[in-house]
Amino acid sequence: MALRLKPLPRNPDIALQRKLLTQPETNPTGHVPLEDARTFPFEPRPDEPSRVNAWWLAEASWLAYTHGEKDVARVFSEQTGMDCRPVSNGDTESYLAHNAEFAVLLHQTARE
């Protein structure tokens, strides 16, 4: 299965570049996290490093660090069909997304 590359903005101006680097949570390009997750499903038991899994984990991390828990749960549900719940313990926040085949735990320290 060939990966399709998402188009990047052509020659983004310096203001957009700055916002992408310093304020990714504002999502200035309208990126949809895990948009093609059903086309490129997570590989729970790969025989070798998986580009698809790396993409999933990068997307999930960006989502968890830049969005609230309702948005994280909604995106996982809509884009992957997975249940996703916040898990908190002291000063850490995490998300556990799972289905019958595998689970993804996104662990982060609490936001200030």
PDB file of N, CA and C in Angstrom:
ATOM      1  N   MET A   1       0.852  -1.160   0.000  1.00  0.00           N
ATOM      2  CA  MET A   1       0.000   0.000   0.000  1.00  0.00           C
ATOM      3  C   MET A   1       0.904   1.232   0.000  1.00  0.00           C
ATOM      4  N   ALA A   2       0.758   2.071  -0.982  1.00  0.00           N
ATOM      5  CA  ALA A   2       1.581   3.278  -1.103  1.00  0.00           C
ATOM      6  C   ALA A   2       1.011   4.403  -0.243  1.00  0.00           C
ATOM      7  N   LEU A   3       1.892   5.090   0.434  1.00  0.00           N
ATOM      8  CA  LEU A   3       1.467   6.232   1.240  1.00  0.00           C
ATOM      9  C   LEU A   3       1.276   7.441   0.345  1.00  0.00           C
ATOM     10  N   ARG A   4       0.205   8.159   0.589  1.00  0.00           N
ATOM     11  CA  ARG A   4      -0.014   9.421  -0.102  1.00  0.00           C
ATOM     12  C   ARG A   4       0.513  10.524   0.791  1.00  0.00           C
ATOM     13  N   LEU A   5       1.261  11.432   0.230  1.00  0.00           N
ATOM     14  CA  LEU A   5       1.760  12.549   1.010  1.00  0.00           C
ATOM     15  C   LEU A   5       0.726  13.657   1.037  1.00  0.00           C
ATOM     16  N   LYS A   6       0.535  14.224   2.209  1.00  0.00           N
ATOM     17  CA  LYS A   6      -0.378  15.350   2.315  1.00  0.00           C
ATOM     18  C   LYS A   6       0.319  16.589   1.783  1.00  0.00           C
ATOM     19  N   PRO A   7      -0.397  17.413   1.047  1.00  0.00           N
ATOM     20  CA  PRO A   7       0.248  18.609   0.505  1.00  0.00           C
ATOM     21  C   PRO A   7       0.595  19.602   1.607  1.00  0.00           C
ATOM     22  N   LEU A   8       1.759  20.196   1.488  1.00  0.00           N
ATOM     23  CA  LEU A   8       2.163  21.264   2.389  1.00  0.00           C
ATOM     24  C   LEU A   8       1.809  22.597   1.750  1.00  0.00           C
ATOM     25  N   PRO A   9       1.620  23.624   2.557  1.00  0.00           N
ATOM     26  CA  PRO A   9       1.364  24.943   1.964  1.00  0.00           C
ATOM     27  C   PRO A   9       2.548  25.349   1.091  1.00  0.00           C
ATOM     28  N   ARG A  10       2.264  25.885  -0.052  1.00  0.00           N
ATOM     29  CA  ARG A  10       3.336  26.323  -0.953  1.00  0.00           C
ATOM     30  C   ARG A  10       3.873  27.665  -0.482  1.00  0.00           C
ATOM     31  N   ASN A  11       5.175  27.704  -0.325  1.00  0.00           N
ATOM     32  CA  ASN A  11       5.858  28.935   0.073  1.00  0.00           C
ATOM     33  C   ASN A  11       5.125  29.669   1.196  1.00  0.00           C
ATOM     34  N   PRO A  12       4.981  29.033   2.353  1.00  0.00           N
ATOM     35  CA  PRO A  12       4.279  29.717   3.444  1.00  0.00           C
ATOM     36  C   PRO A  12       5.030  30.981   3.857  1.00  0.00           C
ATOM     37  N   ASP A  13       4.284  32.031   4.117  1.00  0.00           N
ATOM     38  CA  ASP A  13       4.941  33.270   4.525  1.00  0.00           C
ATOM     39  C   ASP A  13       5.521  33.106   5.924  1.00  0.00           C
ATOM     40  N   ILE A  14       6.349  34.040   6.321  1.00  0.00           N
ATOM     41  CA  ILE A  14       7.057  33.946   7.592  1.00  0.00           C
ATOM     42  C   ILE A  14       6.097  33.915   8.783  1.00  0.00           C
ATOM     43  N   ALA A  15       4.965  34.594   8.685  1.00  0.00           N
ATOM     44  CA  ALA A  15       3.986  34.593   9.781  1.00  0.00           C
ATOM     45  C   ALA A  15       3.416  33.185   9.990  1.00  0.00           C
ATOM     46  N   LEU A  16       3.095  32.490   8.890  1.00  0.00           N
ATOM     47  CA  LEU A  16       2.571  31.127   8.998  1.00  0.00           C
ATOM     48  C   LEU A  16       3.655  30.188   9.522  1.00  0.00           C
ATOM     49  N   GLN A  17       4.859  30.323   9.034  1.00  0.00           N
ATOM     50  CA  GLN A  17       5.960  29.489   9.521  1.00  0.00           C
ATOM     51  C   GLN A  17       6.163  29.682  11.022  1.00  0.00           C
ATOM     52  N   ARG A  18       6.133  30.915  11.463  1.00  0.00           N
ATOM     53  CA  ARG A  18       6.314  31.211  12.888  1.00  0.00           C
ATOM     54  C   ARG A  18       5.190  30.576  13.711  1.00  0.00           C
ATOM     55  N   LYS A  19       3.975  30.691  13.221  1.00  0.00           N
ATOM     56  CA  LYS A  19       2.837  30.130  13.952  1.00  0.00           C
ATOM     57  C   LYS A  19       2.908  28.595  13.995  1.00  0.00           C
ATOM     58  N   LEU A  20       3.328  27.978  12.900  1.00  0.00           N
ATOM     59  CA  LEU A  20       3.485  26.524  12.881  1.00  0.00           C
ATOM     60  C   LEU A  20       4.516  26.054  13.902  1.00  0.00           C
ATOM     61  N   LEU A  21       5.575  26.822  14.065  1.00  0.00           N
ATOM     62  CA  LEU A  21       6.641  26.451  14.993  1.00  0.00           C
ATOM     63  C   LEU A  21       6.339  26.799  16.438  1.00  0.00           C
ATOM     64  N   THR A  22       5.722  27.939  16.668  1.00  0.00           N
ATOM     65  CA  THR A  22       5.550  28.410  18.046  1.00  0.00           C
ATOM     66  C   THR A  22       4.150  28.193  18.606  1.00  0.00           C
ATOM     67  N   GLN A  23       3.163  28.017  17.744  1.00  0.00           N
ATOM     68  CA  GLN A  23       1.786  27.827  18.199  1.00  0.00           C
ATOM     69  C   GLN A  23       1.094  26.717  17.403  1.00  0.00           C
ATOM     70  N   PRO A  24       1.652  25.500  17.435  1.00  0.00           N
ATOM     71  CA  PRO A  24       1.044  24.435  16.640  1.00  0.00           C
ATOM     72  C   PRO A  24      -0.388  24.127  17.052  1.00  0.00           C
ATOM     73  N   GLU A  25      -0.738  24.426  18.308  1.00  0.00           N
ATOM     74  CA  GLU A  25      -2.095  24.154  18.785  1.00  0.00           C
ATOM     75  C   GLU A  25      -3.154  24.979  18.075  1.00  0.00           C
ATOM     76  N   THR A  26      -2.752  26.080  17.437  1.00  0.00           N
ATOM     77  CA  THR A  26      -3.719  26.900  16.703  1.00  0.00           C
ATOM     78  C   THR A  26      -4.083  26.279  15.360  1.00  0.00           C
ATOM     79  N   ASN A  27      -3.296  25.288  14.929  1.00  0.00           N
ATOM     80  CA  ASN A  27      -3.560  24.561  13.689  1.00  0.00           C
ATOM     81  C   ASN A  27      -3.800  25.504  12.511  1.00  0.00           C
ATOM     82  N   PRO A  28      -2.823  26.352  12.203  1.00  0.00           N
ATOM     83  CA  PRO A  28      -3.031  27.368  11.173  1.00  0.00           C
ATOM     84  C   PRO A  28      -3.233  26.830   9.762  1.00  0.00           C
ATOM     85  N   THR A  29      -2.880  25.574   9.508  1.00  0.00           N
ATOM     86  CA  THR A  29      -3.082  25.007   8.169  1.00  0.00           C
ATOM     87  C   THR A  29      -4.354  24.177   8.073  1.00  0.00           C
ATOM     88  N   GLY A  30      -5.071  23.999   9.196  1.00  0.00           N
ATOM     89  CA  GLY A  30      -6.297  23.203   9.168  1.00  0.00           C
ATOM     90  C   GLY A  30      -6.042  21.706   9.094  1.00  0.00           C
ATOM     91  N   HIS A  31      -4.893  21.269   9.579  1.00  0.00           N
ATOM     92  CA  HIS A  31      -4.538  19.845   9.571  1.00  0.00           C
ATOM     93  C   HIS A  31      -5.581  19.026  10.331  1.00  0.00           C
ATOM     94  N   VAL A  32      -5.970  17.893   9.775  1.00  0.00           N
ATOM     95  CA  VAL A  32      -6.917  16.977  10.420  1.00  0.00           C
ATOM     96  C   VAL A  32      -6.125  15.776  10.931  1.00  0.00           C
ATOM     97  N   PRO A  33      -5.937  15.665  12.259  1.00  0.00           N
ATOM     98  CA  PRO A  33      -5.148  14.558  12.784  1.00  0.00           C
ATOM     99  C   PRO A  33      -5.794  13.204  12.515  1.00  0.00           C
ATOM    100  N   LEU A  34      -4.956  12.235  12.171  1.00  0.00           N
ATOM    101  CA  LEU A  34      -5.376  10.857  11.906  1.00  0.00           C
ATOM    102  C   LEU A  34      -6.409  10.762  10.780  1.00  0.00           C
ATOM    103  N   GLU A  35      -6.369  11.714   9.883  1.00  0.00           N
ATOM    104  CA  GLU A  35      -7.376  11.800   8.818  1.00  0.00           C
ATOM    105  C   GLU A  35      -7.473  10.523   7.982  1.00  0.00           C
ATOM    106  N   ASP A  36      -6.365   9.865   7.702  1.00  0.00           N
ATOM    107  CA  ASP A  36      -6.382   8.664   6.863  1.00  0.00           C
ATOM    108  C   ASP A  36      -6.160   7.386   7.658  1.00  0.00           C
ATOM    109  N   ALA A  37      -6.489   7.419   8.944  1.00  0.00           N
ATOM    110  CA  ALA A  37      -6.213   6.274   9.811  1.00  0.00           C
ATOM    111  C   ALA A  37      -6.944   5.006   9.379  1.00  0.00           C
ATOM    112  N   ARG A  38      -8.125   5.122   8.834  1.00  0.00           N
ATOM    113  CA  ARG A  38      -8.851   3.912   8.406  1.00  0.00           C
ATOM    114  C   ARG A  38      -8.266   3.357   7.103  1.00  0.00           C
ATOM    115  N   THR A  39      -7.671   4.214   6.298  1.00  0.00           N
ATOM    116  CA  THR A  39      -7.019   3.765   5.071  1.00  0.00           C
ATOM    117  C   THR A  39      -5.683   3.113   5.386  1.00  0.00           C
ATOM    118  N   PHE A  40      -4.986   3.648   6.405  1.00  0.00           N
ATOM    119  CA  PHE A  40      -3.686   3.145   6.804  1.00  0.00           C
ATOM    120  C   PHE A  40      -3.753   2.732   8.280  1.00  0.00           C
ATOM    121  N   PRO A  41      -4.315   1.548   8.559  1.00  0.00           N
ATOM    122  CA  PRO A  41      -4.516   1.136   9.944  1.00  0.00           C
ATOM    123  C   PRO A  41      -3.197   0.859  10.670  1.00  0.00           C
ATOM    124  N   PHE A  42      -3.239   1.057  11.980  1.00  0.00           N
ATOM    125  CA  PHE A  42      -2.098   0.760  12.840  1.00  0.00           C
ATOM    126  C   PHE A  42      -1.755  -0.713  12.703  1.00  0.00           C
ATOM    127  N   GLU A  43      -0.468  -1.026  12.733  1.00  0.00           N
ATOM    128  CA  GLU A  43       0.003  -2.403  12.610  1.00  0.00           C
ATOM    129  C   GLU A  43       0.421  -2.889  14.001  1.00  0.00           C
ATOM    130  N   PRO A  44      -0.446  -3.618  14.720  1.00  0.00           N
ATOM    131  CA  PRO A  44      -0.164  -4.000  16.102  1.00  0.00           C
ATOM    132  C   PRO A  44       1.069  -4.880  16.293  1.00  0.00           C
ATOM    133  N   ARG A  45       1.406  -5.679  15.321  1.00  0.00           N
ATOM    134  CA  ARG A  45       2.535  -6.603  15.467  1.00  0.00           C
ATOM    135  C   ARG A  45       3.428  -6.573  14.222  1.00  0.00           C
ATOM    136  N   PRO A  46       4.077  -5.440  13.962  1.00  0.00           N
ATOM    137  CA  PRO A  46       4.905  -5.375  12.750  1.00  0.00           C
ATOM    138  C   PRO A  46       6.185  -6.212  12.908  1.00  0.00           C
ATOM    139  N   ASP A  47       6.676  -6.748  11.791  1.00  0.00           N
ATOM    140  CA  ASP A  47       7.921  -7.514  11.794  1.00  0.00           C
ATOM    141  C   ASP A  47       9.147  -6.608  11.775  1.00  0.00           C
ATOM    142  N   GLU A  48       8.943  -5.376  11.394  1.00  0.00           N
ATOM    143  CA  GLU A  48      10.042  -4.407  11.313  1.00  0.00           C
ATOM    144  C   GLU A  48       9.463  -3.030  11.614  1.00  0.00           C
ATOM    145  N   PRO A  49      10.308  -2.020  11.789  1.00  0.00           N
ATOM    146  CA  PRO A  49       9.773  -0.680  12.062  1.00  0.00           C
ATOM    147  C   PRO A  49       8.726  -0.284  11.009  1.00  0.00           C
ATOM    148  N   SER A  50       7.675   0.345  11.481  1.00  0.00           N
ATOM    149  CA  SER A  50       6.541   0.662  10.616  1.00  0.00           C
ATOM    150  C   SER A  50       6.376   2.177  10.453  1.00  0.00           C
ATOM    151  N   ARG A  51       6.403   2.631   9.213  1.00  0.00           N
ATOM    152  CA  ARG A  51       6.157   4.049   8.943  1.00  0.00           C
ATOM    153  C   ARG A  51       4.730   4.437   9.294  1.00  0.00           C
ATOM    154  N   VAL A  52       3.811   3.535   9.058  1.00  0.00           N
ATOM    155  CA  VAL A  52       2.412   3.803   9.396  1.00  0.00           C
ATOM    156  C   VAL A  52       2.270   3.993  10.899  1.00  0.00           C
ATOM    157  N   ASN A  53       2.883   3.130  11.697  1.00  0.00           N
ATOM    158  CA  ASN A  53       2.804   3.268  13.150  1.00  0.00           C
ATOM    159  C   ASN A  53       3.474   4.548  13.612  1.00  0.00           C
ATOM    160  N   ALA A  54       4.608   4.902  13.015  1.00  0.00           N
ATOM    161  CA  ALA A  54       5.281   6.153  13.370  1.00  0.00           C
ATOM    162  C   ALA A  54       4.366   7.337  13.089  1.00  0.00           C
ATOM    163  N   TRP A  55       3.671   7.300  11.961  1.00  0.00           N
ATOM    164  CA  TRP A  55       2.729   8.372  11.612  1.00  0.00           C
ATOM    165  C   TRP A  55       1.600   8.439  12.633  1.00  0.00           C
ATOM    166  N   TRP A  56       1.015   7.291  12.962  1.00  0.00           N
ATOM    167  CA  TRP A  56      -0.067   7.246  13.955  1.00  0.00           C
ATOM    168  C   TRP A  56       0.380   7.868  15.268  1.00  0.00           C
ATOM    169  N   LEU A  57       1.547   7.470  15.750  1.00  0.00           N
ATOM    170  CA  LEU A  57       2.017   7.948  17.045  1.00  0.00           C
ATOM    171  C   LEU A  57       2.356   9.434  17.013  1.00  0.00           C
ATOM    172  N   ALA A  58       2.902   9.909  15.905  1.00  0.00           N
ATOM    173  CA  ALA A  58       3.175  11.346  15.779  1.00  0.00           C
ATOM    174  C   ALA A  58       1.866  12.135  15.766  1.00  0.00           C
ATOM    175  N   GLU A  59       0.904  11.670  15.011  1.00  0.00           N
ATOM    176  CA  GLU A  59      -0.394  12.336  14.953  1.00  0.00           C
ATOM    177  C   GLU A  59      -1.082  12.326  16.318  1.00  0.00           C
ATOM    178  N   ALA A  60      -1.071  11.174  16.971  1.00  0.00           N
ATOM    179  CA  ALA A  60      -1.712  11.051  18.281  1.00  0.00           C
ATOM    180  C   ALA A  60      -1.032  11.942  19.318  1.00  0.00           C
ATOM    181  N   SER A  61       0.289  12.037  19.266  1.00  0.00           N
ATOM    182  CA  SER A  61       1.016  12.896  20.205  1.00  0.00           C
ATOM    183  C   SER A  61       0.667  14.350  19.995  1.00  0.00           C
ATOM    184  N   TRP A  62       0.674  14.802  18.747  1.00  0.00           N
ATOM    185  CA  TRP A  62       0.316  16.200  18.455  1.00  0.00           C
ATOM    186  C   TRP A  62      -1.101  16.482  18.951  1.00  0.00           C
ATOM    187  N   LEU A  63      -1.987  15.565  18.695  1.00  0.00           N
ATOM    188  CA  LEU A  63      -3.376  15.720  19.121  1.00  0.00           C
ATOM    189  C   LEU A  63      -3.474  15.833  20.637  1.00  0.00           C
ATOM    190  N   ALA A  64      -2.816  14.938  21.358  1.00  0.00           N
ATOM    191  CA  ALA A  64      -2.896  14.927  22.819  1.00  0.00           C
ATOM    192  C   ALA A  64      -2.283  16.167  23.449  1.00  0.00           C
ATOM    193  N   TYR A  65      -1.218  16.675  22.864  1.00  0.00           N
ATOM    194  CA  TYR A  65      -0.543  17.828  23.443  1.00  0.00           C
ATOM    195  C   TYR A  65      -1.180  19.159  23.077  1.00  0.00           C
ATOM    196  N   THR A  66      -2.006  19.190  22.055  1.00  0.00           N
ATOM    197  CA  THR A  66      -2.526  20.475  21.594  1.00  0.00           C
ATOM    198  C   THR A  66      -4.044  20.597  21.643  1.00  0.00           C
ATOM    199  N   HIS A  67      -4.737  19.567  22.098  1.00  0.00           N
ATOM    200  CA  HIS A  67      -6.197  19.603  22.123  1.00  0.00           C
ATOM    201  C   HIS A  67      -6.725  19.153  23.484  1.00  0.00           C
ATOM    202  N   GLY A  68      -7.935  19.564  23.800  1.00  0.00           N
ATOM    203  CA  GLY A  68      -8.595  19.155  25.032  1.00  0.00           C
ATOM    204  C   GLY A  68      -9.107  17.731  24.940  1.00  0.00           C
ATOM    205  N   GLU A  69      -9.474  17.173  26.090  1.00  0.00           N
ATOM    206  CA  GLU A  69      -9.838  15.761  26.128  1.00  0.00           C
ATOM    207  C   GLU A  69     -11.069  15.419  25.297  1.00  0.00           C
ATOM    208  N   LYS A  70     -12.042  16.325  25.193  1.00  0.00           N
ATOM    209  CA  LYS A  70     -13.216  16.034  24.356  1.00  0.00           C
ATOM    210  C   LYS A  70     -12.827  15.934  22.887  1.00  0.00           C
ATOM    211  N   ASP A  71     -11.947  16.830  22.435  1.00  0.00           N
ATOM    212  CA  ASP A  71     -11.493  16.798  21.042  1.00  0.00           C
ATOM    213  C   ASP A  71     -10.659  15.550  20.763  1.00  0.00           C
ATOM    214  N   VAL A  72      -9.784  15.176  21.707  1.00  0.00           N
ATOM    215  CA  VAL A  72      -8.960  13.980  21.528  1.00  0.00           C
ATOM    216  C   VAL A  72      -9.861  12.749  21.393  1.00  0.00           C
ATOM    217  N   ALA A  73     -10.825  12.616  22.289  1.00  0.00           N
ATOM    218  CA  ALA A  73     -11.738  11.467  22.250  1.00  0.00           C
ATOM    219  C   ALA A  73     -12.559  11.466  20.957  1.00  0.00           C
ATOM    220  N   ARG A  74     -13.026  12.644  20.538  1.00  0.00           N
ATOM    221  CA  ARG A  74     -13.831  12.741  19.310  1.00  0.00           C
ATOM    222  C   ARG A  74     -13.023  12.335  18.083  1.00  0.00           C
ATOM    223  N   VAL A  75     -11.807  12.850  17.973  1.00  0.00           N
ATOM    224  CA  VAL A  75     -10.972  12.535  16.808  1.00  0.00           C
ATOM    225  C   VAL A  75     -10.658  11.041  16.759  1.00  0.00           C
ATOM    226  N   PHE A  76     -10.264  10.460  17.898  1.00  0.00           N
ATOM    227  CA  PHE A  76      -9.989   9.018  17.895  1.00  0.00           C
ATOM    228  C   PHE A  76     -11.226   8.238  17.484  1.00  0.00           C
ATOM    229  N   SER A  77     -12.373   8.611  18.008  1.00  0.00           N
ATOM    230  CA  SER A  77     -13.603   7.902  17.671  1.00  0.00           C
ATOM    231  C   SER A  77     -13.942   8.043  16.186  1.00  0.00           C
ATOM    232  N   GLU A  78     -13.923   9.279  15.685  1.00  0.00           N
ATOM    233  CA  GLU A  78     -14.311   9.529  14.294  1.00  0.00           C
ATOM    234  C   GLU A  78     -13.297   8.997  13.288  1.00  0.00           C
ATOM    235  N   GLN A  79     -12.021   9.171  13.556  1.00  0.00           N
ATOM    236  CA  GLN A  79     -11.000   8.835  12.561  1.00  0.00           C
ATOM    237  C   GLN A  79     -10.514   7.387  12.652  1.00  0.00           C
ATOM    238  N   THR A  80     -10.589   6.787  13.858  1.00  0.00           N
ATOM    239  CA  THR A  80     -10.031   5.441  14.014  1.00  0.00           C
ATOM    240  C   THR A  80     -11.058   4.420  14.492  1.00  0.00           C
ATOM    241  N   GLY A  81     -12.186   4.886  15.031  1.00  0.00           N
ATOM    242  CA  GLY A  81     -13.167   3.977  15.610  1.00  0.00           C
ATOM    243  C   GLY A  81     -12.774   3.479  16.991  1.00  0.00           C
ATOM    244  N   MET A  82     -11.705   4.056  17.560  1.00  0.00           N
ATOM    245  CA  MET A  82     -11.209   3.625  18.867  1.00  0.00           C
ATOM    246  C   MET A  82     -11.840   4.432  19.989  1.00  0.00           C
ATOM    247  N   ASP A  83     -11.978   3.791  21.138  1.00  0.00           N
ATOM    248  CA  ASP A  83     -12.398   4.479  22.345  1.00  0.00           C
ATOM    249  C   ASP A  83     -11.151   5.142  22.935  1.00  0.00           C
ATOM    250  N   CYS A  84     -11.274   6.369  23.417  1.00  0.00           N
ATOM    251  CA  CYS A  84     -10.140   7.084  23.982  1.00  0.00           C
ATOM    252  C   CYS A  84     -10.597   7.793  25.247  1.00  0.00           C
ATOM    253  N   ARG A  85      -9.863   7.566  26.323  1.00  0.00           N
ATOM    254  CA  ARG A  85     -10.227   8.153  27.614  1.00  0.00           C
ATOM    255  C   ARG A  85      -9.004   8.800  28.256  1.00  0.00           C
ATOM    256  N   PRO A  86      -9.239   9.919  28.949  1.00  0.00           N
ATOM    257  CA  PRO A  86      -8.135  10.517  29.697  1.00  0.00           C
ATOM    258  C   PRO A  86      -7.840   9.693  30.955  1.00  0.00           C
ATOM    259  N   VAL A  87      -6.580   9.662  31.339  1.00  0.00           N
ATOM    260  CA  VAL A  87      -6.144   8.989  32.554  1.00  0.00           C
ATOM    261  C   VAL A  87      -5.222   9.967  33.274  1.00  0.00           C
ATOM    262  N   SER A  88      -5.544  10.305  34.520  1.00  0.00           N
ATOM    263  CA  SER A  88      -4.727  11.249  35.281  1.00  0.00           C
ATOM    264  C   SER A  88      -4.211  10.601  36.546  1.00  0.00           C
ATOM    265  N   ASN A  89      -2.999  10.996  36.916  1.00  0.00           N
ATOM    266  CA  ASN A  89      -2.410  10.520  38.162  1.00  0.00           C
ATOM    267  C   ASN A  89      -1.453  11.596  38.657  1.00  0.00           C
ATOM    268  N   GLY A  90      -1.855  12.315  39.687  1.00  0.00           N
ATOM    269  CA  GLY A  90      -1.004  13.376  40.215  1.00  0.00           C
ATOM    270  C   GLY A  90      -0.814  14.489  39.205  1.00  0.00           C
ATOM    271  N   ASP A  91       0.452  14.765  38.876  1.00  0.00           N
ATOM    272  CA  ASP A  91       0.727  15.860  37.947  1.00  0.00           C
ATOM    273  C   ASP A  91       0.933  15.387  36.507  1.00  0.00           C
ATOM    274  N   THR A  92       0.467  14.202  36.184  1.00  0.00           N
ATOM    275  CA  THR A  92       0.571  13.716  34.808  1.00  0.00           C
ATOM    276  C   THR A  92      -0.811  13.533  34.212  1.00  0.00           C
ATOM    277  N   GLU A  93      -0.867  13.704  32.923  1.00  0.00           N
ATOM    278  CA  GLU A  93      -2.090  13.463  32.162  1.00  0.00           C
ATOM    279  C   GLU A  93      -1.743  12.497  31.039  1.00  0.00           C
ATOM    280  N   SER A  94      -2.622  11.582  30.784  1.00  0.00           N
ATOM    281  CA  SER A  94      -2.411  10.604  29.724  1.00  0.00           C
ATOM    282  C   SER A  94      -3.731  10.350  29.016  1.00  0.00           C
ATOM    283  N   TYR A  95      -3.618   9.737  27.849  1.00  0.00           N
ATOM    284  CA  TYR A  95      -4.793   9.271  27.117  1.00  0.00           C
ATOM    285  C   TYR A  95      -4.572   7.815  26.773  1.00  0.00           C
ATOM    286  N   LEU A  96      -5.607   7.025  26.923  1.00  0.00           N
ATOM    287  CA  LEU A  96      -5.561   5.622  26.542  1.00  0.00           C
ATOM    288  C   LEU A  96      -6.590   5.417  25.448  1.00  0.00           C
ATOM    289  N   ALA A  97      -6.097   5.118  24.250  1.00  0.00           N
ATOM    290  CA  ALA A  97      -6.974   4.806  23.121  1.00  0.00           C
ATOM    291  C   ALA A  97      -6.851   3.306  22.867  1.00  0.00           C
ATOM    292  N   HIS A  98      -7.990   2.640  22.650  1.00  0.00           N
ATOM    293  CA  HIS A  98      -7.918   1.191  22.490  1.00  0.00           C
ATOM    294  C   HIS A  98      -9.066   0.663  21.650  1.00  0.00           C
ATOM    295  N   ASN A  99      -8.807  -0.520  21.117  1.00  0.00           N
ATOM    296  CA  ASN A  99      -9.835  -1.320  20.465  1.00  0.00           C
ATOM    297  C   ASN A  99      -9.562  -2.770  20.835  1.00  0.00           C
ATOM    298  N   ALA A 100     -10.153  -3.721  20.164  1.00  0.00           N
ATOM    299  CA  ALA A 100      -9.993  -5.128  20.526  1.00  0.00           C
ATOM    300  C   ALA A 100      -8.601  -5.672  20.210  1.00  0.00           C
ATOM    301  N   GLU A 101      -7.846  -4.996  19.323  1.00  0.00           N
ATOM    302  CA  GLU A 101      -6.547  -5.511  18.886  1.00  0.00           C
ATOM    303  C   GLU A 101      -5.342  -4.893  19.593  1.00  0.00           C
ATOM    304  N   PHE A 102      -5.428  -3.639  19.991  1.00  0.00           N
ATOM    305  CA  PHE A 102      -4.264  -2.965  20.560  1.00  0.00           C
ATOM    306  C   PHE A 102      -4.694  -1.718  21.327  1.00  0.00           C
ATOM    307  N   ALA A 103      -3.736  -1.166  22.057  1.00  0.00           N
ATOM    308  CA  ALA A 103      -3.967   0.076  22.798  1.00  0.00           C
ATOM    309  C   ALA A 103      -2.789   1.017  22.562  1.00  0.00           C
ATOM    310  N   VAL A 104      -3.079   2.310  22.628  1.00  0.00           N
ATOM    311  CA  VAL A 104      -2.050   3.339  22.525  1.00  0.00           C
ATOM    312  C   VAL A 104      -2.171   4.188  23.783  1.00  0.00           C
ATOM    313  N   LEU A 105      -1.078   4.313  24.521  1.00  0.00           N
ATOM    314  CA  LEU A 105      -1.050   5.148  25.709  1.00  0.00           C
ATOM    315  C   LEU A 105      -0.175   6.358  25.422  1.00  0.00           C
ATOM    316  N   LEU A 106      -0.766   7.533  25.508  1.00  0.00           N
ATOM    317  CA  LEU A 106      -0.055   8.786  25.304  1.00  0.00           C
ATOM    318  C   LEU A 106       0.145   9.414  26.660  1.00  0.00           C
ATOM    319  N   HIS A 107       1.372   9.470  27.106  1.00  0.00           N
ATOM    320  CA  HIS A 107       1.698   9.961  28.450  1.00  0.00           C
ATOM    321  C   HIS A 107       2.353  11.324  28.343  1.00  0.00           C
ATOM    322  N   GLN A 108       1.929  12.253  29.175  1.00  0.00           N
ATOM    323  CA  GLN A 108       2.522  13.581  29.184  1.00  0.00           C
ATOM    324  C   GLN A 108       2.484  14.136  30.584  1.00  0.00           C
ATOM    325  N   THR A 109       3.345  15.099  30.853  1.00  0.00           N
ATOM    326  CA  THR A 109       3.286  15.767  32.138  1.00  0.00           C
ATOM    327  C   THR A 109       2.174  16.811  32.071  1.00  0.00           C
ATOM    328  N   ALA A 110       1.683  17.186  33.204  1.00  0.00           N
ATOM    329  CA  ALA A 110       0.568  18.136  33.275  1.00  0.00           C
ATOM    330  C   ALA A 110       0.957  19.467  32.670  1.00  0.00           C
ATOM    331  N   ARG A 111       0.001  20.092  32.047  1.00  0.00           N
ATOM    332  CA  ARG A 111       0.195  21.436  31.490  1.00  0.00           C
ATOM    333  C   ARG A 111       0.161  22.440  32.604  1.00  0.00           C
ATOM    334  N   GLU A 112       0.929  23.504  32.449  1.00  0.00           N
ATOM    335  CA  GLU A 112       0.936  24.555  33.474  1.00  0.00           C
ATOM    336  C   GLU A 112      -0.083  25.604  33.190  1.00  0.00           C
TER     337      GLU A 112
END
